[in-house]
PDB file of N, CA and C in Angstrom:
ATOM      1  N   UNK A   1      -5.978  53.129 -42.337  1.00  0.00           N
ATOM      2  CA  UNK A   1      -5.396  51.824 -42.564  1.00  0.00           C
ATOM      3  C   UNK A   1      -4.212  51.963 -43.509  1.00  0.00           C
ATOM      4  N   UNK A   2      -3.270  51.067 -43.401  1.00  0.00           N
ATOM      5  CA  UNK A   2      -2.089  51.082 -44.256  1.00  0.00           C
ATOM      6  C   UNK A   2      -2.478  50.559 -45.633  1.00  0.00           C
ATOM      7  N   UNK A   3      -2.076  51.252 -46.672  1.00  0.00           N
ATOM      8  CA  UNK A   3      -2.434  50.857 -48.035  1.00  0.00           C
ATOM      9  C   UNK A   3      -1.879  49.481 -48.384  1.00  0.00           C
ATOM     10  N   UNK A   4      -2.737  48.668 -49.015  1.00  0.00           N
ATOM     11  CA  UNK A   4      -2.292  47.381 -49.525  1.00  0.00           C
ATOM     12  C   UNK A   4      -2.395  46.212 -48.578  1.00  0.00           C
ATOM     13  N   UNK A   5      -2.766  46.420 -47.331  1.00  0.00           N
ATOM     14  CA  UNK A   5      -2.846  45.290 -46.398  1.00  0.00           C
ATOM     15  C   UNK A   5      -4.283  44.897 -46.074  1.00  0.00           C
ATOM     16  N   UNK A   6      -5.264  45.626 -46.575  1.00  0.00           N
ATOM     17  CA  UNK A   6      -6.665  45.338 -46.283  1.00  0.00           C
ATOM     18  C   UNK A   6      -7.128  43.988 -46.787  1.00  0.00           C
ATOM     19  N   UNK A   7      -6.533  43.496 -47.842  1.00  0.00           N
ATOM     20  CA  UNK A   7      -6.935  42.221 -48.416  1.00  0.00           C
ATOM     21  C   UNK A   7      -6.266  41.028 -47.742  1.00  0.00           C
ATOM     22  N   UNK A   8      -5.280  41.273 -46.891  1.00  0.00           N
ATOM     23  CA  UNK A   8      -4.535  40.194 -46.237  1.00  0.00           C
ATOM     24  C   UNK A   8      -5.270  39.681 -45.004  1.00  0.00           C
ATOM     25  N   UNK A   9      -4.941  38.453 -44.609  1.00  0.00           N
ATOM     26  CA  UNK A   9      -5.509  37.895 -43.379  1.00  0.00           C
ATOM     27  C   UNK A   9      -4.933  38.641 -42.175  1.00  0.00           C
ATOM     28  N   UNK A  10      -5.553  38.443 -41.024  1.00  0.00           N
ATOM     29  CA  UNK A  10      -5.118  39.117 -39.798  1.00  0.00           C
ATOM     30  C   UNK A  10      -3.648  38.830 -39.500  1.00  0.00           C
ATOM     31  N   UNK A  11      -3.265  37.548 -39.552  1.00  0.00           N
ATOM     32  CA  UNK A  11      -1.876  37.178 -39.241  1.00  0.00           C
ATOM     33  C   UNK A  11      -0.895  37.792 -40.233  1.00  0.00           C
ATOM     34  N   UNK A  12      -1.267  37.805 -41.503  1.00  0.00           N
ATOM     35  CA  UNK A  12      -0.373  38.377 -42.509  1.00  0.00           C
ATOM     36  C   UNK A  12      -0.262  39.889 -42.356  1.00  0.00           C
ATOM     37  N   UNK A  13      -1.378  40.542 -41.975  1.00  0.00           N
ATOM     38  CA  UNK A  13      -1.316  41.992 -41.729  1.00  0.00           C
ATOM     39  C   UNK A  13      -0.381  42.301 -40.570  1.00  0.00           C
ATOM     40  N   UNK A  14      -0.481  41.503 -39.485  1.00  0.00           N
ATOM     41  CA  UNK A  14       0.409  41.722 -38.343  1.00  0.00           C
ATOM     42  C   UNK A  14       1.866  41.569 -38.762  1.00  0.00           C
ATOM     43  N   UNK A  15       2.134  40.534 -39.545  1.00  0.00           N
ATOM     44  CA  UNK A  15       3.497  40.288 -40.005  1.00  0.00           C
ATOM     45  C   UNK A  15       3.968  41.430 -40.912  1.00  0.00           C
ATOM     46  N   UNK A  16       3.084  41.900 -41.779  1.00  0.00           N
ATOM     47  CA  UNK A  16       3.427  42.958 -42.734  1.00  0.00           C
ATOM     48  C   UNK A  16       3.816  44.256 -42.032  1.00  0.00           C
ATOM     49  N   UNK A  17       3.109  44.609 -40.979  1.00  0.00           N
ATOM     50  CA  UNK A  17       3.401  45.861 -40.279  1.00  0.00           C
ATOM     51  C   UNK A  17       4.225  45.631 -39.011  1.00  0.00           C
ATOM     52  N   UNK A  18       4.694  44.397 -38.826  1.00  0.00           N
ATOM     53  CA  UNK A  18       5.590  44.020 -37.720  1.00  0.00           C
ATOM     54  C   UNK A  18       4.958  44.239 -36.351  1.00  0.00           C
ATOM     55  N   UNK A  19       3.668  43.938 -36.211  1.00  0.00           N
ATOM     56  CA  UNK A  19       2.994  43.995 -34.921  1.00  0.00           C
ATOM     57  C   UNK A  19       2.922  42.607 -34.322  1.00  0.00           C
ATOM     58  N   UNK A  20       2.842  42.554 -33.016  1.00  0.00           N
ATOM     59  CA  UNK A  20       2.635  41.292 -32.323  1.00  0.00           C
ATOM     60  C   UNK A  20       1.144  41.008 -32.244  1.00  0.00           C
ATOM     61  N   UNK A  21       0.795  39.732 -32.123  1.00  0.00           N
ATOM     62  CA  UNK A  21      -0.612  39.385 -31.962  1.00  0.00           C
ATOM     63  C   UNK A  21      -1.105  39.902 -30.613  1.00  0.00           C
ATOM     64  N   UNK A  22      -2.417  39.989 -30.463  1.00  0.00           N
ATOM     65  CA  UNK A  22      -3.009  40.479 -29.221  1.00  0.00           C
ATOM     66  C   UNK A  22      -2.568  39.624 -28.040  1.00  0.00           C
ATOM     67  N   UNK A  23      -2.528  38.310 -28.221  1.00  0.00           N
ATOM     68  CA  UNK A  23      -2.113  37.407 -27.142  1.00  0.00           C
ATOM     69  C   UNK A  23      -0.674  37.696 -26.708  1.00  0.00           C
ATOM     70  N   UNK A  24       0.217  37.879 -27.665  1.00  0.00           N
ATOM     71  CA  UNK A  24       1.618  38.154 -27.330  1.00  0.00           C
ATOM     72  C   UNK A  24       1.782  39.535 -26.714  1.00  0.00           C
ATOM     73  N   UNK A  25       0.975  40.504 -27.155  1.00  0.00           N
ATOM     74  CA  UNK A  25       1.038  41.834 -26.539  1.00  0.00           C
ATOM     75  C   UNK A  25       0.579  41.781 -25.093  1.00  0.00           C
ATOM     76  N   UNK A  26      -0.462  40.986 -24.810  1.00  0.00           N
ATOM     77  CA  UNK A  26      -0.939  40.848 -23.429  1.00  0.00           C
ATOM     78  C   UNK A  26       0.116  40.188 -22.552  1.00  0.00           C
ATOM     79  N   UNK A  27       0.770  39.140 -23.067  1.00  0.00           N
ATOM     80  CA  UNK A  27       1.836  38.490 -22.304  1.00  0.00           C
ATOM     81  C   UNK A  27       2.981  39.464 -22.035  1.00  0.00           C
ATOM     82  N   UNK A  28       3.314  40.265 -23.027  1.00  0.00           N
ATOM     83  CA  UNK A  28       4.392  41.240 -22.870  1.00  0.00           C
ATOM     84  C   UNK A  28       4.053  42.250 -21.777  1.00  0.00           C
ATOM     85  N   UNK A  29       2.814  42.737 -21.783  1.00  0.00           N
ATOM     86  CA  UNK A  29       2.382  43.688 -20.754  1.00  0.00           C
ATOM     87  C   UNK A  29       2.429  43.035 -19.379  1.00  0.00           C
ATOM     88  N   UNK A  30       1.986  41.775 -19.275  1.00  0.00           N
ATOM     89  CA  UNK A  30       2.032  41.061 -17.997  1.00  0.00           C
ATOM     90  C   UNK A  30       3.466  40.938 -17.485  1.00  0.00           C
ATOM     91  N   UNK A  31       4.399  40.591 -18.367  1.00  0.00           N
ATOM     92  CA  UNK A  31       5.801  40.459 -17.964  1.00  0.00           C
ATOM     93  C   UNK A  31       6.391  41.800 -17.534  1.00  0.00           C
ATOM     94  N   UNK A  32       6.090  42.848 -18.277  1.00  0.00           N
ATOM     95  CA  UNK A  32       6.592  44.178 -17.920  1.00  0.00           C
ATOM     96  C   UNK A  32       6.024  44.618 -16.580  1.00  0.00           C
ATOM     97  N   UNK A  33       4.733  44.377 -16.357  1.00  0.00           N
ATOM     98  CA  UNK A  33       4.094  44.740 -15.089  1.00  0.00           C
ATOM     99  C   UNK A  33       4.728  43.991 -13.932  1.00  0.00           C
ATOM    100  N   UNK A  34       4.933  42.678 -14.105  1.00  0.00           N
ATOM    101  CA  UNK A  34       5.527  41.862 -13.054  1.00  0.00           C
ATOM    102  C   UNK A  34       6.955  42.331 -12.742  1.00  0.00           C
ATOM    103  N   UNK A  35       7.740  42.577 -13.778  1.00  0.00           N
ATOM    104  CA  UNK A  35       9.118  43.019 -13.580  1.00  0.00           C
ATOM    105  C   UNK A  35       9.161  44.377 -12.886  1.00  0.00           C
ATOM    106  N   UNK A  36       8.286  45.288 -13.277  1.00  0.00           N
ATOM    107  CA  UNK A  36       8.230  46.609 -12.654  1.00  0.00           C
ATOM    108  C   UNK A  36       7.899  46.501 -11.174  1.00  0.00           C
ATOM    109  N   UNK A  37       6.908  45.673 -10.836  1.00  0.00           N
ATOM    110  CA  UNK A  37       6.537  45.491  -9.433  1.00  0.00           C
ATOM    111  C   UNK A  37       7.678  44.848  -8.647  1.00  0.00           C
ATOM    112  N   UNK A  38       8.357  43.889  -9.257  1.00  0.00           N
ATOM    113  CA  UNK A  38       9.481  43.223  -8.593  1.00  0.00           C
ATOM    114  C   UNK A  38      10.604  44.222  -8.318  1.00  0.00           C
ATOM    115  N   UNK A  39      10.944  45.031  -9.309  1.00  0.00           N
ATOM    116  CA  UNK A  39      12.032  45.998  -9.145  1.00  0.00           C
ATOM    117  C   UNK A  39      11.692  47.092  -8.141  1.00  0.00           C
ATOM    118  N   UNK A  40      10.421  47.414  -7.996  1.00  0.00           N
ATOM    119  CA  UNK A  40       9.995  48.416  -7.022  1.00  0.00           C
ATOM    120  C   UNK A  40       9.819  47.824  -5.632  1.00  0.00           C
ATOM    121  N   UNK A  41      10.055  46.529  -5.481  1.00  0.00           N
ATOM    122  CA  UNK A  41       9.939  45.896  -4.176  1.00  0.00           C
ATOM    123  C   UNK A  41       8.534  45.456  -3.829  1.00  0.00           C
ATOM    124  N   UNK A  42       7.699  45.293  -4.819  1.00  0.00           N
ATOM    125  CA  UNK A  42       6.319  44.899  -4.581  1.00  0.00           C
ATOM    126  C   UNK A  42       6.129  43.424  -4.288  1.00  0.00           C
ATOM    127  N   UNK A  43       7.195  42.635  -4.421  1.00  0.00           N
ATOM    128  CA  UNK A  43       7.103  41.190  -4.177  1.00  0.00           C
ATOM    129  C   UNK A  43       7.845  40.844  -2.901  1.00  0.00           C
ATOM    130  N   UNK A  44       7.354  39.857  -2.177  1.00  0.00           N
ATOM    131  CA  UNK A  44       8.013  39.420  -0.950  1.00  0.00           C
ATOM    132  C   UNK A  44       9.318  38.709  -1.297  1.00  0.00           C
ATOM    133  N   UNK A  45      10.254  38.751  -0.369  1.00  0.00           N
ATOM    134  CA  UNK A  45      11.565  38.174  -0.610  1.00  0.00           C
ATOM    135  C   UNK A  45      11.500  36.676  -0.866  1.00  0.00           C
ATOM    136  N   UNK A  46      10.571  35.994  -0.216  1.00  0.00           N
ATOM    137  CA  UNK A  46      10.448  34.550  -0.396  1.00  0.00           C
ATOM    138  C   UNK A  46      10.017  34.152  -1.787  1.00  0.00           C
ATOM    139  N   UNK A  47       9.410  35.054  -2.503  1.00  0.00           N
ATOM    140  CA  UNK A  47       8.991  34.770  -3.861  1.00  0.00           C
ATOM    141  C   UNK A  47       7.720  33.961  -3.961  1.00  0.00           C
ATOM    142  N   UNK A  48       7.021  33.773  -2.823  1.00  0.00           N
ATOM    143  CA  UNK A  48       5.804  32.967  -2.839  1.00  0.00           C
ATOM    144  C   UNK A  48       4.747  33.545  -3.770  1.00  0.00           C
ATOM    145  N   UNK A  49       4.684  34.847  -3.846  1.00  0.00           N
ATOM    146  CA  UNK A  49       3.640  35.449  -4.672  1.00  0.00           C
ATOM    147  C   UNK A  49       4.172  35.945  -6.016  1.00  0.00           C
ATOM    148  N   UNK A  50       5.430  35.623  -6.336  1.00  0.00           N
ATOM    149  CA  UNK A  50       6.001  36.086  -7.595  1.00  0.00           C
ATOM    150  C   UNK A  50       5.314  35.434  -8.783  1.00  0.00           C
ATOM    151  N   UNK A  51       5.095  34.130  -8.690  1.00  0.00           N
ATOM    152  CA  UNK A  51       4.429  33.412  -9.766  1.00  0.00           C
ATOM    153  C   UNK A  51       3.196  32.724  -9.217  1.00  0.00           C
ATOM    154  N   UNK A  52       2.125  32.783  -9.941  1.00  0.00           N
ATOM    155  CA  UNK A  52       0.922  32.070  -9.544  1.00  0.00           C
ATOM    156  C   UNK A  52       0.404  31.315 -10.755  1.00  0.00           C
ATOM    157  N   UNK A  53      -0.196  30.171 -10.497  1.00  0.00           N
ATOM    158  CA  UNK A  53      -0.744  29.417 -11.619  1.00  0.00           C
ATOM    159  C   UNK A  53      -2.147  29.921 -11.891  1.00  0.00           C
ATOM    160  N   UNK A  54      -2.393  30.191 -13.136  1.00  0.00           N
ATOM    161  CA  UNK A  54      -3.695  30.699 -13.532  1.00  0.00           C
ATOM    162  C   UNK A  54      -4.191  29.829 -14.674  1.00  0.00           C
ATOM    163  N   UNK A  55      -5.286  29.169 -14.458  1.00  0.00           N
ATOM    164  CA  UNK A  55      -5.829  28.285 -15.477  1.00  0.00           C
ATOM    165  C   UNK A  55      -6.672  29.089 -16.454  1.00  0.00           C
ATOM    166  N   UNK A  56      -6.380  28.915 -17.719  1.00  0.00           N
ATOM    167  CA  UNK A  56      -7.131  29.607 -18.761  1.00  0.00           C
ATOM    168  C   UNK A  56      -8.152  28.680 -19.414  1.00  0.00           C
ATOM    169  N   UNK A  57      -8.310  27.474 -18.873  1.00  0.00           N
ATOM    170  CA  UNK A  57      -9.263  26.543 -19.442  1.00  0.00           C
ATOM    171  C   UNK A  57      -8.766  25.851 -20.698  1.00  0.00           C
ATOM    172  N   UNK A  58      -7.498  26.022 -21.011  1.00  0.00           N
ATOM    173  CA  UNK A  58      -6.933  25.418 -22.214  1.00  0.00           C
ATOM    174  C   UNK A  58      -5.937  24.312 -21.871  1.00  0.00           C
ATOM    175  N   UNK A  59      -5.844  23.973 -20.597  1.00  0.00           N
ATOM    176  CA  UNK A  59      -4.875  22.967 -20.174  1.00  0.00           C
ATOM    177  C   UNK A  59      -5.315  21.575 -20.596  1.00  0.00           C
ATOM    178  N   UNK A  60      -4.348  20.734 -20.872  1.00  0.00           N
ATOM    179  CA  UNK A  60      -4.646  19.343 -21.203  1.00  0.00           C
ATOM    180  C   UNK A  60      -4.609  18.505 -19.946  1.00  0.00           C
ATOM    181  N   UNK A  61      -5.272  17.367 -20.027  1.00  0.00           N
ATOM    182  CA  UNK A  61      -5.155  16.417 -18.932  1.00  0.00           C
ATOM    183  C   UNK A  61      -6.318  16.378 -18.116  1.00  0.00           C
TER     184      UNK A  61
END
């Protein structure tokens, strides 16, 4: 562990060592994966499957 950050909260530790939160890292990986597949021709030209709605159970309404 990095000296001096053990007493800090999770968010402050991330900020101190300039890491992204787990949620933001997952989003980043998803975007990189999607872009890589798109550039390699893994998506249809129509773009129907480029974006899909995925409910995480946190939606309002």
